[in-house]
Amino acid sequence: MPMKFDEILKQRDKYHADNMETMNITDYRAFLETGALIEKDHHGFVRCALSGEMLAVNPEQTDALIEFLKGIRD
């Protein structure tokens, strides 16, 4: 389920996510762990927590998403 606007603001404040360019890796990892950016829903689907958009619905798609992210990393 998409996060409510006030929940997004609380997470951004808590992890200083309003400026990700200056966020250290420890805070970024903690921010990811909160599920405030990406979450796994009750069906096991990987979703964007902000919009609720499905990013992957099975392990193969999750692997493809990870491969894609690795590809754009460099």
N, C-alpha and C. Protein backbone atom coordinates (compact mmCIF):
# COMPACT_ATOMS: atom_id res chain seq x y z
N MET A 1 0.85 -1.17 0.00
CA MET A 1 0.00 0.00 0.00
C MET A 1 0.90 1.24 0.00
N PRO A 2 0.57 2.22 -0.82
CA PRO A 2 1.40 3.43 -0.84
C PRO A 2 1.42 4.11 0.52
N MET A 3 2.55 4.72 0.82
CA MET A 3 2.68 5.45 2.08
C MET A 3 1.87 6.74 2.00
N LYS A 4 1.35 7.14 3.13
CA LYS A 4 0.66 8.43 3.22
C LYS A 4 1.71 9.53 3.25
N PHE A 5 1.31 10.70 2.79
CA PHE A 5 2.25 11.82 2.67
C PHE A 5 2.95 12.12 3.99
N ASP A 6 2.21 12.12 5.09
CA ASP A 6 2.84 12.42 6.39
C ASP A 6 3.85 11.34 6.79
N GLU A 7 3.59 10.08 6.40
CA GLU A 7 4.54 9.00 6.67
C GLU A 7 5.83 9.20 5.87
N ILE A 8 5.68 9.62 4.62
CA ILE A 8 6.85 9.89 3.78
C ILE A 8 7.69 10.99 4.40
N LEU A 9 7.05 12.06 4.84
CA LEU A 9 7.79 13.17 5.45
C LEU A 9 8.50 12.74 6.72
N LYS A 10 7.86 11.91 7.53
CA LYS A 10 8.50 11.42 8.76
C LYS A 10 9.74 10.60 8.44
N GLN A 11 9.63 9.71 7.45
CA GLN A 11 10.78 8.89 7.07
C GLN A 11 11.90 9.76 6.50
N ARG A 12 11.53 10.74 5.69
CA ARG A 12 12.54 11.63 5.11
C ARG A 12 13.26 12.41 6.21
N ASP A 13 12.51 12.87 7.19
CA ASP A 13 13.12 13.60 8.31
C ASP A 13 14.02 12.68 9.14
N LYS A 14 13.53 11.50 9.44
CA LYS A 14 14.27 10.58 10.30
C LYS A 14 15.61 10.19 9.69
N TYR A 15 15.62 9.95 8.38
CA TYR A 15 16.84 9.48 7.72
C TYR A 15 17.49 10.54 6.83
N HIS A 16 17.06 11.77 6.99
CA HIS A 16 17.61 12.89 6.21
C HIS A 16 17.54 12.59 4.71
N ALA A 17 16.47 11.96 4.30
CA ALA A 17 16.31 11.54 2.91
C ALA A 17 15.89 12.68 2.00
N ASP A 18 15.71 13.85 2.57
CA ASP A 18 15.35 15.00 1.74
C ASP A 18 16.53 15.43 0.88
N ASN A 19 17.73 15.00 1.22
CA ASN A 19 18.91 15.31 0.43
C ASN A 19 19.78 14.06 0.33
N MET A 20 19.41 13.19 -0.59
CA MET A 20 20.11 11.91 -0.71
C MET A 20 21.55 12.08 -1.18
N GLU A 21 21.87 13.20 -1.78
CA GLU A 21 23.24 13.44 -2.22
C GLU A 21 24.21 13.53 -1.05
N THR A 22 23.71 13.96 0.11
CA THR A 22 24.58 14.10 1.28
C THR A 22 24.36 13.00 2.31
N MET A 23 23.44 12.07 2.03
CA MET A 23 23.15 10.98 2.97
C MET A 23 24.30 9.99 2.98
N ASN A 24 24.76 9.62 4.18
CA ASN A 24 25.82 8.61 4.24
C ASN A 24 25.22 7.23 4.00
N ILE A 25 26.09 6.27 3.69
CA ILE A 25 25.63 4.94 3.30
C ILE A 25 24.92 4.23 4.45
N THR A 26 25.31 4.48 5.68
CA THR A 26 24.64 3.85 6.83
C THR A 26 23.19 4.32 6.92
N ASP A 27 22.98 5.63 6.79
CA ASP A 27 21.62 6.17 6.82
C ASP A 27 20.81 5.69 5.62
N TYR A 28 21.45 5.60 4.45
CA TYR A 28 20.75 5.13 3.25
C TYR A 28 20.29 3.68 3.43
N ARG A 29 21.18 2.85 3.95
CA ARG A 29 20.81 1.44 4.18
C ARG A 29 19.67 1.35 5.19
N ALA A 30 19.74 2.14 6.24
CA ALA A 30 18.67 2.16 7.25
C ALA A 30 17.37 2.64 6.62
N PHE A 31 17.46 3.64 5.77
CA PHE A 31 16.28 4.15 5.06
C PHE A 31 15.66 3.05 4.19
N LEU A 32 16.48 2.30 3.48
CA LEU A 32 15.96 1.19 2.67
C LEU A 32 15.27 0.15 3.54
N GLU A 33 15.85 -0.16 4.69
CA GLU A 33 15.29 -1.17 5.58
C GLU A 33 13.92 -0.79 6.13
N THR A 34 13.61 0.48 6.20
CA THR A 34 12.31 0.91 6.71
C THR A 34 11.17 0.55 5.78
N GLY A 35 11.49 0.29 4.51
CA GLY A 35 10.44 0.05 3.53
C GLY A 35 9.84 1.34 3.02
N ALA A 36 10.45 2.45 3.31
CA ALA A 36 9.92 3.75 2.90
C ALA A 36 10.16 4.04 1.43
N LEU A 37 11.03 3.28 0.79
CA LEU A 37 11.32 3.49 -0.62
C LEU A 37 10.83 2.31 -1.45
N ILE A 38 11.23 1.12 -1.04
CA ILE A 38 10.84 -0.12 -1.71
C ILE A 38 10.37 -1.09 -0.64
N GLU A 39 9.29 -1.81 -0.93
CA GLU A 39 8.76 -2.75 0.05
C GLU A 39 8.32 -4.05 -0.62
N LYS A 40 8.21 -5.08 0.17
CA LYS A 40 7.63 -6.35 -0.28
C LYS A 40 6.25 -6.43 0.36
N ASP A 41 5.21 -6.55 -0.47
CA ASP A 41 3.85 -6.54 0.07
C ASP A 41 3.43 -7.94 0.55
N HIS A 42 2.19 -8.06 1.01
CA HIS A 42 1.71 -9.32 1.58
C HIS A 42 1.58 -10.43 0.54
N HIS A 43 1.63 -10.09 -0.75
CA HIS A 43 1.63 -11.09 -1.82
C HIS A 43 3.04 -11.50 -2.21
N GLY A 44 4.04 -10.82 -1.64
CA GLY A 44 5.42 -11.08 -2.01
C GLY A 44 5.90 -10.26 -3.19
N PHE A 45 5.08 -9.28 -3.61
CA PHE A 45 5.45 -8.42 -4.73
C PHE A 45 6.36 -7.30 -4.24
N VAL A 46 7.34 -6.95 -5.04
CA VAL A 46 8.21 -5.82 -4.74
C VAL A 46 7.53 -4.58 -5.31
N ARG A 47 7.33 -3.58 -4.45
CA ARG A 47 6.61 -2.37 -4.85
C ARG A 47 7.38 -1.11 -4.48
N CYS A 48 7.10 -0.06 -5.21
CA CYS A 48 7.54 1.27 -4.82
C CYS A 48 6.63 1.68 -3.67
N ALA A 49 7.20 1.96 -2.52
CA ALA A 49 6.39 2.30 -1.35
C ALA A 49 5.70 3.64 -1.52
N LEU A 50 6.27 4.52 -2.31
CA LEU A 50 5.68 5.84 -2.47
C LEU A 50 4.45 5.82 -3.37
N SER A 51 4.52 5.08 -4.48
CA SER A 51 3.42 5.08 -5.44
C SER A 51 2.56 3.83 -5.37
N GLY A 52 3.11 2.75 -4.81
CA GLY A 52 2.40 1.48 -4.80
C GLY A 52 2.60 0.69 -6.08
N GLU A 53 3.34 1.25 -7.03
CA GLU A 53 3.58 0.59 -8.32
C GLU A 53 4.36 -0.70 -8.11
N MET A 54 3.91 -1.78 -8.76
CA MET A 54 4.62 -3.05 -8.67
C MET A 54 5.90 -2.95 -9.50
N LEU A 55 7.00 -3.42 -8.91
CA LEU A 55 8.29 -3.44 -9.60
C LEU A 55 8.67 -4.85 -10.03
N ALA A 56 8.23 -5.85 -9.27
CA ALA A 56 8.49 -7.25 -9.58
C ALA A 56 7.47 -8.10 -8.84
N VAL A 57 6.97 -9.14 -9.52
CA VAL A 57 5.92 -9.96 -8.91
C VAL A 57 6.33 -11.41 -8.67
N ASN A 58 7.57 -11.75 -9.02
CA ASN A 58 8.05 -13.11 -8.78
C ASN A 58 9.57 -13.08 -8.67
N PRO A 59 10.17 -14.17 -8.22
CA PRO A 59 11.63 -14.17 -8.05
C PRO A 59 12.41 -13.85 -9.33
N GLU A 60 11.92 -14.33 -10.47
CA GLU A 60 12.62 -14.07 -11.73
C GLU A 60 12.61 -12.58 -12.06
N GLN A 61 11.48 -11.93 -11.84
CA GLN A 61 11.41 -10.49 -12.09
C GLN A 61 12.27 -9.72 -11.08
N THR A 62 12.31 -10.19 -9.84
CA THR A 62 13.17 -9.56 -8.84
C THR A 62 14.63 -9.67 -9.26
N ASP A 63 15.02 -10.84 -9.74
CA ASP A 63 16.39 -11.02 -10.24
C ASP A 63 16.66 -10.07 -11.41
N ALA A 64 15.70 -9.95 -12.33
CA ALA A 64 15.87 -9.05 -13.47
C ALA A 64 15.99 -7.60 -13.02
N LEU A 65 15.21 -7.22 -12.01
CA LEU A 65 15.30 -5.86 -11.47
C LEU A 65 16.67 -5.62 -10.86
N ILE A 66 17.17 -6.58 -10.10
CA ILE A 66 18.50 -6.46 -9.50
C ILE A 66 19.57 -6.35 -10.59
N GLU A 67 19.46 -7.17 -11.63
CA GLU A 67 20.41 -7.10 -12.74
C GLU A 67 20.36 -5.73 -13.41
N PHE A 68 19.15 -5.22 -13.60
CA PHE A 68 19.00 -3.90 -14.20
C PHE A 68 19.68 -2.83 -13.35
N LEU A 69 19.43 -2.87 -12.05
CA LEU A 69 20.05 -1.89 -11.15
C LEU A 69 21.57 -2.00 -11.16
N LYS A 70 22.07 -3.22 -11.19
CA LYS A 70 23.53 -3.40 -11.28
C LYS A 70 24.05 -2.81 -12.58
N GLY A 71 23.29 -2.96 -13.65
CA GLY A 71 23.71 -2.45 -14.95
C GLY A 71 23.76 -0.93 -15.01
N ILE A 72 22.87 -0.26 -14.30
CA ILE A 72 22.87 1.20 -14.33
C ILE A 72 23.76 1.80 -13.25
N ARG A 73 24.28 0.96 -12.38
CA ARG A 73 25.15 1.43 -11.30
C ARG A 73 26.42 2.05 -11.86
N ASP A 74 26.99 1.46 -12.88
CA ASP A 74 28.29 1.92 -13.40
C ASP A 74 28.16 2.86 -14.58
